[in-house]
Amino acid sequence: LVSPCSCRGSVFYVHRECALQDYMYRADPLDWRCSVCKCPYLGEVRGQIAGACRGRIADATPEVQHLASCAVAMKGLTEEAWLLIQAKVDPGATVQGISSLAFAAQHGHA
């Protein structure tokens, strides 16, 4: 059992596989938040979700794969920086453009 998010009470601990299934049932492969508390998953579960995300986008268009790959890389940012980037990035964005947004977000310039 793990505690991968901010849930409390009877759902404080969950099976790793249950948290991963929670992610897999979502329409948006870039939504890495708990469906109960809406906080981002952390720790081992987050790593498993990153791997699952790559698998989920394997058949997507090259543009979507590019965006998702960048998003997986950016998930290491603080949650505030990631939310700013999610709000500003579009499918035509370049890795360099996303990196610029990430730098700005981390340094309070976004």
Protein backbone atom coordinates (compact mmCIF):
# COMPACT_ATOMS: atom_id res chain seq x y z
CA LEU A 1 0.00 0.00 0.00
CA VAL A 2 1.13 3.55 -0.79
CA SER A 3 -0.02 7.09 -0.11
CA PRO A 4 0.53 8.73 -3.52
CA CYS A 5 -1.57 11.90 -3.12
CA SER A 6 -3.25 14.18 -0.57
CA CYS A 7 -6.21 11.90 0.22
CA ARG A 8 -6.92 11.29 3.89
CA GLY A 9 -9.04 8.91 5.93
CA SER A 10 -10.06 5.55 4.50
CA VAL A 11 -8.41 6.32 1.12
CA PHE A 12 -5.09 7.52 2.58
CA TYR A 13 -3.45 4.23 1.55
CA VAL A 14 -4.18 2.56 -1.78
CA HIS A 15 -2.72 -0.28 -3.81
CA ARG A 16 -0.21 0.93 -6.43
CA GLU A 17 -2.18 -0.89 -9.10
CA CYS A 18 -5.44 0.80 -8.03
CA ALA A 19 -3.85 4.24 -8.36
CA LEU A 20 -2.51 3.27 -11.79
CA GLN A 21 -5.96 2.01 -12.84
CA ASP A 22 -7.43 5.33 -11.70
CA TYR A 23 -5.10 7.01 -14.19
CA MET A 24 -5.70 4.51 -17.00
CA TYR A 25 -9.48 5.08 -16.97
CA ARG A 26 -9.06 8.77 -17.82
CA ALA A 27 -9.59 10.24 -21.25
CA ASP A 28 -6.67 12.67 -20.86
CA PRO A 29 -3.30 10.87 -20.68
CA LEU A 30 -1.68 14.04 -19.30
CA ASP A 31 -4.00 14.22 -16.28
CA TRP A 32 -1.79 12.79 -13.52
CA ARG A 33 -4.05 13.85 -10.64
CA CYS A 34 -5.95 11.71 -8.14
CA SER A 35 -9.61 11.53 -9.13
CA VAL A 36 -10.66 11.95 -5.48
CA CYS A 37 -8.52 14.80 -4.09
CA LYS A 38 -7.47 16.27 -7.48
CA CYS A 39 -3.85 16.57 -6.29
CA PRO A 40 -0.99 15.27 -8.46
CA TYR A 41 0.24 11.75 -7.83
CA LEU A 42 3.70 11.54 -6.25
CA GLY A 43 6.52 9.04 -5.77
CA GLU A 44 6.54 5.57 -7.30
CA VAL A 45 3.00 5.93 -8.60
CA ARG A 46 4.00 9.06 -10.51
CA GLY A 47 6.84 7.13 -12.14
CA GLN A 48 4.49 4.30 -13.11
CA ILE A 49 2.05 6.80 -14.58
CA ALA A 50 4.85 8.37 -16.64
CA GLY A 51 5.54 4.97 -18.18
CA ALA A 52 1.85 4.33 -18.75
CA CYS A 53 1.47 7.75 -20.36
CA ARG A 54 4.14 6.89 -22.93
CA GLY A 55 2.28 3.67 -23.70
CA ARG A 56 -1.08 5.42 -24.02
CA ILE A 57 0.21 7.88 -26.61
CA ALA A 58 2.11 5.31 -28.70
CA ASP A 59 -0.57 5.33 -31.43
CA ALA A 60 -1.17 9.07 -31.36
CA THR A 61 -0.17 11.50 -34.10
CA PRO A 62 3.48 12.65 -34.10
CA GLU A 63 2.39 16.09 -32.85
CA VAL A 64 0.53 14.61 -29.87
CA GLN A 65 3.44 12.25 -29.14
CA HIS A 66 5.84 15.21 -29.15
CA LEU A 67 3.68 17.23 -26.77
CA ALA A 68 3.15 14.26 -24.48
CA SER A 69 6.89 13.45 -24.41
CA CYS A 70 7.64 17.04 -23.46
CA ALA A 71 4.90 16.91 -20.84
CA VAL A 72 6.33 13.72 -19.33
CA ALA A 73 9.74 15.41 -19.10
CA MET A 74 8.21 18.54 -17.57
CA LYS A 75 6.34 16.63 -14.84
CA GLY A 76 9.51 16.94 -12.76
CA LEU A 77 8.80 20.65 -12.34
CA THR A 78 6.99 22.09 -9.37
CA GLU A 79 3.24 21.66 -9.70
CA GLU A 80 2.76 25.45 -9.99
CA ALA A 81 5.22 25.66 -12.89
CA TRP A 82 3.63 22.63 -14.56
CA LEU A 83 0.13 24.18 -14.34
CA LEU A 84 1.41 27.38 -15.94
CA ILE A 85 3.01 25.42 -18.75
CA GLN A 86 -0.11 23.31 -19.33
CA ALA A 87 -2.13 26.49 -19.67
CA LYS A 88 0.22 27.97 -22.28
CA VAL A 89 1.49 25.07 -24.41
CA ASP A 90 -0.25 24.09 -27.63
CA PRO A 91 0.32 21.01 -29.87
CA GLY A 92 2.51 23.08 -32.22
CA ALA A 93 4.93 24.04 -29.47
CA THR A 94 8.60 23.19 -29.81
CA VAL A 95 10.80 21.63 -27.15
CA GLN A 96 12.77 24.88 -27.05
CA GLY A 97 9.57 26.89 -26.56
CA ILE A 98 8.39 24.59 -23.79
CA SER A 99 11.81 24.78 -22.13
CA SER A 100 11.61 28.60 -22.23
CA LEU A 101 8.18 28.49 -20.60
CA ALA A 102 9.46 26.07 -17.99
CA PHE A 103 12.42 28.32 -17.13
CA ALA A 104 10.15 31.37 -16.90
CA ALA A 105 7.62 29.51 -14.76
CA GLN A 106 10.25 28.25 -12.34
CA HIS A 107 11.69 31.75 -11.96
CA GLY A 108 8.37 33.56 -11.56
CA HIS A 109 8.33 35.20 -15.01
CA ALA A 110 5.41 33.29 -16.57
